[in-house]
Amino acid sequence: MKKYRIKRTCKWVHFPGKHLFCPTFAVQVFIIFGVWLTIKSFTDPDDPDFARREAEELFEKLNEK
């Protein structure tokens, strides 16, 4: 069985005229010897909770398999 996790990171997002530091949620799978591979990252500078919910939804789908 594969192990999955959601890792919260921060990323600089560039918009015309401004730069934002917003949270990014990455869904990762455990490969081997402590190596985690990012499957998909979710970022939303306007609503970080939406990005978290999207990551949780993918995480739940992967764990069902």
PDB file of N, CA and C in Angstrom:
ATOM      1  N   MET A   1       0.843  -1.183   0.000  1.00  0.00           N
ATOM      2  CA  MET A   1       0.000   0.000   0.000  1.00  0.00           C
ATOM      3  C   MET A   1       0.887   1.245   0.000  1.00  0.00           C
ATOM      4  N   LYS A   2       0.518   2.199  -0.813  1.00  0.00           N
ATOM      5  CA  LYS A   2       1.291   3.438  -0.903  1.00  0.00           C
ATOM      6  C   LYS A   2       0.907   4.384   0.222  1.00  0.00           C
ATOM      7  N   LYS A   3       1.883   5.150   0.668  1.00  0.00           N
ATOM      8  CA  LYS A   3       1.641   6.161   1.698  1.00  0.00           C
ATOM      9  C   LYS A   3       1.555   7.529   1.029  1.00  0.00           C
ATOM     10  N   TYR A   4       0.569   8.300   1.446  1.00  0.00           N
ATOM     11  CA  TYR A   4       0.380   9.646   0.923  1.00  0.00           C
ATOM     12  C   TYR A   4       0.378  10.638   2.074  1.00  0.00           C
ATOM     13  N   ARG A   5       0.700  11.899   1.759  1.00  0.00           N
ATOM     14  CA  ARG A   5       0.626  12.953   2.761  1.00  0.00           C
ATOM     15  C   ARG A   5       0.352  14.284   2.072  1.00  0.00           C
ATOM     16  N   ILE A   6      -0.091  15.234   2.895  1.00  0.00           N
ATOM     17  CA  ILE A   6      -0.255  16.614   2.437  1.00  0.00           C
ATOM     18  C   ILE A   6       0.792  17.435   3.162  1.00  0.00           C
ATOM     19  N   LYS A   7       1.624  18.120   2.409  1.00  0.00           N
ATOM     20  CA  LYS A   7       2.665  18.944   2.999  1.00  0.00           C
ATOM     21  C   LYS A   7       2.378  20.407   2.676  1.00  0.00           C
ATOM     22  N   ARG A   8       2.379  21.219   3.711  1.00  0.00           N
ATOM     23  CA  ARG A   8       2.145  22.660   3.533  1.00  0.00           C
ATOM     24  C   ARG A   8       3.492  23.345   3.346  1.00  0.00           C
ATOM     25  N   THR A   9       3.621  24.065   2.264  1.00  0.00           N
ATOM     26  CA  THR A   9       4.817  24.842   1.986  1.00  0.00           C
ATOM     27  C   THR A   9       4.392  26.265   1.663  1.00  0.00           C
ATOM     28  N   CYS A  10       5.344  27.136   1.492  1.00  0.00           N
ATOM     29  CA  CYS A  10       5.055  28.524   1.120  1.00  0.00           C
ATOM     30  C   CYS A  10       5.788  28.845  -0.173  1.00  0.00           C
ATOM     31  N   LYS A  11       5.161  29.631  -0.999  1.00  0.00           N
ATOM     32  CA  LYS A  11       5.705  29.943  -2.310  1.00  0.00           C
ATOM     33  C   LYS A  11       5.455  31.412  -2.639  1.00  0.00           C
ATOM     34  N   TRP A  12       6.417  32.015  -3.320  1.00  0.00           N
ATOM     35  CA  TRP A  12       6.234  33.375  -3.811  1.00  0.00           C
ATOM     36  C   TRP A  12       5.399  33.321  -5.074  1.00  0.00           C
ATOM     37  N   VAL A  13       4.339  34.109  -5.113  1.00  0.00           N
ATOM     38  CA  VAL A  13       3.480  34.202  -6.292  1.00  0.00           C
ATOM     39  C   VAL A  13       3.610  35.616  -6.839  1.00  0.00           C
ATOM     40  N   HIS A  14       3.901  35.705  -8.129  1.00  0.00           N
ATOM     41  CA  HIS A  14       4.127  37.004  -8.763  1.00  0.00           C
ATOM     42  C   HIS A  14       2.897  37.423  -9.566  1.00  0.00           C
ATOM     43  N   PHE A  15       2.404  38.592  -9.265  1.00  0.00           N
ATOM     44  CA  PHE A  15       1.324  39.210 -10.017  1.00  0.00           C
ATOM     45  C   PHE A  15       1.853  40.527 -10.571  1.00  0.00           C
ATOM     46  N   PRO A  16       1.245  41.016 -11.612  1.00  0.00           N
ATOM     47  CA  PRO A  16       1.687  42.315 -12.125  1.00  0.00           C
ATOM     48  C   PRO A  16       1.580  43.398 -11.056  1.00  0.00           C
ATOM     49  N   GLY A  17       2.700  43.953 -10.698  1.00  0.00           N
ATOM     50  CA  GLY A  17       2.721  45.045  -9.732  1.00  0.00           C
ATOM     51  C   GLY A  17       2.861  44.633  -8.276  1.00  0.00           C
ATOM     52  N   LYS A  18       2.801  43.332  -7.959  1.00  0.00           N
ATOM     53  CA  LYS A  18       2.937  42.915  -6.570  1.00  0.00           C
ATOM     54  C   LYS A  18       3.425  41.465  -6.483  1.00  0.00           C
ATOM     55  N   HIS A  19       3.973  41.150  -5.328  1.00  0.00           N
ATOM     56  CA  HIS A  19       4.447  39.802  -5.050  1.00  0.00           C
ATOM     57  C   HIS A  19       3.806  39.345  -3.746  1.00  0.00           C
ATOM     58  N   LEU A  20       3.300  38.146  -3.742  1.00  0.00           N
ATOM     59  CA  LEU A  20       2.632  37.611  -2.565  1.00  0.00           C
ATOM     60  C   LEU A  20       3.339  36.346  -2.085  1.00  0.00           C
ATOM     61  N   PHE A  21       3.321  36.137  -0.789  1.00  0.00           N
ATOM     62  CA  PHE A  21       3.854  34.929  -0.170  1.00  0.00           C
ATOM     63  C   PHE A  21       2.650  34.140   0.304  1.00  0.00           C
ATOM     64  N   CYS A  22       2.292  33.074  -0.421  1.00  0.00           N
ATOM     65  CA  CYS A  22       1.061  32.358  -0.071  1.00  0.00           C
ATOM     66  C   CYS A  22       1.339  30.884   0.177  1.00  0.00           C
ATOM     67  N   PRO A  23       0.512  30.258   1.007  1.00  0.00           N
ATOM     68  CA  PRO A  23       0.698  28.838   1.296  1.00  0.00           C
ATOM     69  C   PRO A  23       0.370  27.968   0.088  1.00  0.00           C
ATOM     70  N   THR A  24       1.122  26.897  -0.033  1.00  0.00           N
ATOM     71  CA  THR A  24       0.924  25.912  -1.080  1.00  0.00           C
ATOM     72  C   THR A  24       0.773  24.554  -0.408  1.00  0.00           C
ATOM     73  N   PHE A  25      -0.185  23.776  -0.861  1.00  0.00           N
ATOM     74  CA  PHE A  25      -0.416  22.450  -0.305  1.00  0.00           C
ATOM     75  C   PHE A  25      -0.059  21.423  -1.369  1.00  0.00           C
ATOM     76  N   ALA A  26       0.899  20.540  -1.044  1.00  0.00           N
ATOM     77  CA  ALA A  26       1.367  19.533  -1.987  1.00  0.00           C
ATOM     78  C   ALA A  26       0.934  18.150  -1.519  1.00  0.00           C
ATOM     79  N   VAL A  27       0.328  17.393  -2.423  1.00  0.00           N
ATOM     80  CA  VAL A  27      -0.010  16.004  -2.144  1.00  0.00           C
ATOM     81  C   VAL A  27       1.172  15.175  -2.631  1.00  0.00           C
ATOM     82  N   GLN A  28       1.740  14.371  -1.719  1.00  0.00           N
ATOM     83  CA  GLN A  28       2.949  13.627  -2.030  1.00  0.00           C
ATOM     84  C   GLN A  28       2.758  12.138  -1.774  1.00  0.00           C
ATOM     85  N   VAL A  29       3.552  11.328  -2.493  1.00  0.00           N
ATOM     86  CA  VAL A  29       3.554   9.878  -2.314  1.00  0.00           C
ATOM     87  C   VAL A  29       4.960   9.466  -1.892  1.00  0.00           C
ATOM     88  N   PHE A  30       5.023   8.496  -0.971  1.00  0.00           N
ATOM     89  CA  PHE A  30       6.298   7.987  -0.484  1.00  0.00           C
ATOM     90  C   PHE A  30       6.854   7.005  -1.508  1.00  0.00           C
ATOM     91  N   ILE A  31       8.094   7.229  -1.940  1.00  0.00           N
ATOM     92  CA  ILE A  31       8.709   6.370  -2.947  1.00  0.00           C
ATOM     93  C   ILE A  31       9.604   5.324  -2.278  1.00  0.00           C
ATOM     94  N   ILE A  32      10.724   5.752  -1.737  1.00  0.00           N
ATOM     95  CA  ILE A  32      11.679   4.830  -1.119  1.00  0.00           C
ATOM     96  C   ILE A  32      12.696   5.629  -0.312  1.00  0.00           C
ATOM     97  N   PHE A  33      13.115   5.069   0.813  1.00  0.00           N
ATOM     98  CA  PHE A  33      14.181   5.644   1.638  1.00  0.00           C
ATOM     99  C   PHE A  33      13.964   7.113   1.986  1.00  0.00           C
ATOM    100  N   GLY A  34      12.784   7.476   2.392  1.00  0.00           N
ATOM    101  CA  GLY A  34      12.517   8.838   2.819  1.00  0.00           C
ATOM    102  C   GLY A  34      12.310   9.841   1.696  1.00  0.00           C
ATOM    103  N   VAL A  35      12.141   9.371   0.472  1.00  0.00           N
ATOM    104  CA  VAL A  35      11.927  10.265  -0.669  1.00  0.00           C
ATOM    105  C   VAL A  35      10.430  10.394  -0.926  1.00  0.00           C
ATOM    106  N   TRP A  36       9.933  11.630  -0.904  1.00  0.00           N
ATOM    107  CA  TRP A  36       8.529  11.916  -1.175  1.00  0.00           C
ATOM    108  C   TRP A  36       8.445  12.621  -2.526  1.00  0.00           C
ATOM    109  N   LEU A  37       7.589  12.126  -3.398  1.00  0.00           N
ATOM    110  CA  LEU A  37       7.392  12.696  -4.729  1.00  0.00           C
ATOM    111  C   LEU A  37       6.081  13.480  -4.738  1.00  0.00           C
ATOM    112  N   THR A  38       6.138  14.731  -5.192  1.00  0.00           N
ATOM    113  CA  THR A  38       4.937  15.560  -5.256  1.00  0.00           C
ATOM    114  C   THR A  38       4.087  15.151  -6.453  1.00  0.00           C
ATOM    115  N   ILE A  39       2.848  14.792  -6.180  1.00  0.00           N
ATOM    116  CA  ILE A  39       1.910  14.423  -7.234  1.00  0.00           C
ATOM    117  C   ILE A  39       1.283  15.681  -7.825  1.00  0.00           C
ATOM    118  N   LYS A  40       0.785  16.550  -6.947  1.00  0.00           N
ATOM    119  CA  LYS A  40       0.149  17.786  -7.403  1.00  0.00           C
ATOM    120  C   LYS A  40       0.210  18.826  -6.295  1.00  0.00           C
ATOM    121  N   SER A  41       0.409  20.077  -6.684  1.00  0.00           N
ATOM    122  CA  SER A  41       0.427  21.191  -5.740  1.00  0.00           C
ATOM    123  C   SER A  41      -0.789  22.079  -5.976  1.00  0.00           C
ATOM    124  N   PHE A  42      -1.326  22.597  -4.888  1.00  0.00           N
ATOM    125  CA  PHE A  42      -2.497  23.476  -4.957  1.00  0.00           C
ATOM    126  C   PHE A  42      -2.144  24.813  -4.323  1.00  0.00           C
ATOM    127  N   THR A  43      -2.390  25.898  -5.066  1.00  0.00           N
ATOM    128  CA  THR A  43      -2.128  27.255  -4.596  1.00  0.00           C
ATOM    129  C   THR A  43      -3.286  28.150  -4.994  1.00  0.00           C
ATOM    130  N   ASP A  44      -3.736  28.946  -4.058  1.00  0.00           N
ATOM    131  CA  ASP A  44      -4.747  29.961  -4.356  1.00  0.00           C
ATOM    132  C   ASP A  44      -4.441  31.171  -3.495  1.00  0.00           C
ATOM    133  N   PRO A  45      -3.882  32.239  -4.068  1.00  0.00           N
ATOM    134  CA  PRO A  45      -3.493  33.401  -3.266  1.00  0.00           C
ATOM    135  C   PRO A  45      -4.681  34.121  -2.636  1.00  0.00           C
ATOM    136  N   ASP A  46      -5.857  34.022  -3.226  1.00  0.00           N
ATOM    137  CA  ASP A  46      -7.028  34.707  -2.680  1.00  0.00           C
ATOM    138  C   ASP A  46      -7.695  33.931  -1.555  1.00  0.00           C
ATOM    139  N   ASP A  47      -7.662  32.602  -1.628  1.00  0.00           N
ATOM    140  CA  ASP A  47      -8.343  31.769  -0.634  1.00  0.00           C
ATOM    141  C   ASP A  47      -7.514  30.515  -0.342  1.00  0.00           C
ATOM    142  N   PRO A  48      -6.586  30.585   0.616  1.00  0.00           N
ATOM    143  CA  PRO A  48      -5.750  29.421   0.933  1.00  0.00           C
ATOM    144  C   PRO A  48      -6.553  28.217   1.430  1.00  0.00           C
ATOM    145  N   ASP A  49      -7.706  28.461   2.054  1.00  0.00           N
ATOM    146  CA  ASP A  49      -8.529  27.348   2.525  1.00  0.00           C
ATOM    147  C   ASP A  49      -9.078  26.516   1.364  1.00  0.00           C
ATOM    148  N   PHE A  50      -9.353  27.168   0.245  1.00  0.00           N
ATOM    149  CA  PHE A  50      -9.806  26.447  -0.941  1.00  0.00           C
ATOM    150  C   PHE A  50      -8.719  25.504  -1.437  1.00  0.00           C
ATOM    151  N   ALA A  51      -7.472  25.972  -1.465  1.00  0.00           N
ATOM    152  CA  ALA A  51      -6.352  25.131  -1.891  1.00  0.00           C
ATOM    153  C   ALA A  51      -6.189  23.943  -0.950  1.00  0.00           C
ATOM    154  N   ARG A  52      -6.360  24.160   0.351  1.00  0.00           N
ATOM    155  CA  ARG A  52      -6.253  23.073   1.328  1.00  0.00           C
ATOM    156  C   ARG A  52      -7.342  22.042   1.112  1.00  0.00           C
ATOM    157  N   ARG A  53      -8.577  22.521   0.865  1.00  0.00           N
ATOM    158  CA  ARG A  53      -9.692  21.598   0.636  1.00  0.00           C
ATOM    159  C   ARG A  53      -9.486  20.761  -0.626  1.00  0.00           C
ATOM    160  N   GLU A  54      -8.959  21.377  -1.678  1.00  0.00           N
ATOM    161  CA  GLU A  54      -8.678  20.650  -2.909  1.00  0.00           C
ATOM    162  C   GLU A  54      -7.620  19.575  -2.676  1.00  0.00           C
ATOM    163  N   ALA A  55      -6.590  19.901  -1.910  1.00  0.00           N
ATOM    164  CA  ALA A  55      -5.541  18.924  -1.595  1.00  0.00           C
ATOM    165  C   ALA A  55      -6.118  17.774  -0.763  1.00  0.00           C
ATOM    166  N   GLU A  56      -6.970  18.091   0.199  1.00  0.00           N
ATOM    167  CA  GLU A  56      -7.590  17.048   1.019  1.00  0.00           C
ATOM    168  C   GLU A  56      -8.493  16.143   0.190  1.00  0.00           C
ATOM    169  N   GLU A  57      -9.184  16.708  -0.779  1.00  0.00           N
ATOM    170  CA  GLU A  57     -10.059  15.915  -1.634  1.00  0.00           C
ATOM    171  C   GLU A  57      -9.244  14.908  -2.455  1.00  0.00           C
ATOM    172  N   LEU A  58      -8.138  15.352  -3.038  1.00  0.00           N
ATOM    173  CA  LEU A  58      -7.276  14.438  -3.798  1.00  0.00           C
ATOM    174  C   LEU A  58      -6.674  13.386  -2.866  1.00  0.00           C
ATOM    175  N   PHE A  59      -6.253  13.799  -1.680  1.00  0.00           N
ATOM    176  CA  PHE A  59      -5.678  12.887  -0.696  1.00  0.00           C
ATOM    177  C   PHE A  59      -6.672  11.774  -0.344  1.00  0.00           C
ATOM    178  N   GLU A  60      -7.932  12.128  -0.128  1.00  0.00           N
ATOM    179  CA  GLU A  60      -8.952  11.130   0.191  1.00  0.00           C
ATOM    180  C   GLU A  60      -9.205  10.171  -0.978  1.00  0.00           C
ATOM    181  N   LYS A  61      -9.215  10.696  -2.199  1.00  0.00           N
ATOM    182  CA  LYS A  61      -9.419   9.838  -3.371  1.00  0.00           C
ATOM    183  C   LYS A  61      -8.280   8.840  -3.509  1.00  0.00           C
ATOM    184  N   LEU A  62      -7.050   9.295  -3.276  1.00  0.00           N
ATOM    185  CA  LEU A  62      -5.905   8.395  -3.394  1.00  0.00           C
ATOM    186  C   LEU A  62      -5.912   7.327  -2.317  1.00  0.00           C
ATOM    187  N   ASN A  63      -6.352   7.661  -1.125  1.00  0.00           N
ATOM    188  CA  ASN A  63      -6.393   6.697  -0.037  1.00  0.00           C
ATOM    189  C   ASN A  63      -7.508   5.668  -0.190  1.00  0.00           C
ATOM    190  N   GLU A  64      -8.517   5.971  -1.001  1.00  0.00           N
ATOM    191  CA  GLU A  64      -9.601   5.021  -1.225  1.00  0.00           C
ATOM    192  C   GLU A  64      -9.149   3.841  -2.077  1.00  0.00           C
ATOM    193  N   LYS A  65      -8.178   4.056  -2.940  1.00  0.00           N
ATOM    194  CA  LYS A  65      -7.731   3.002  -3.859  1.00  0.00           C
ATOM    195  C   LYS A  65      -6.975   1.920  -3.147  1.00  0.00           C
TER     196      LYS A  65
END
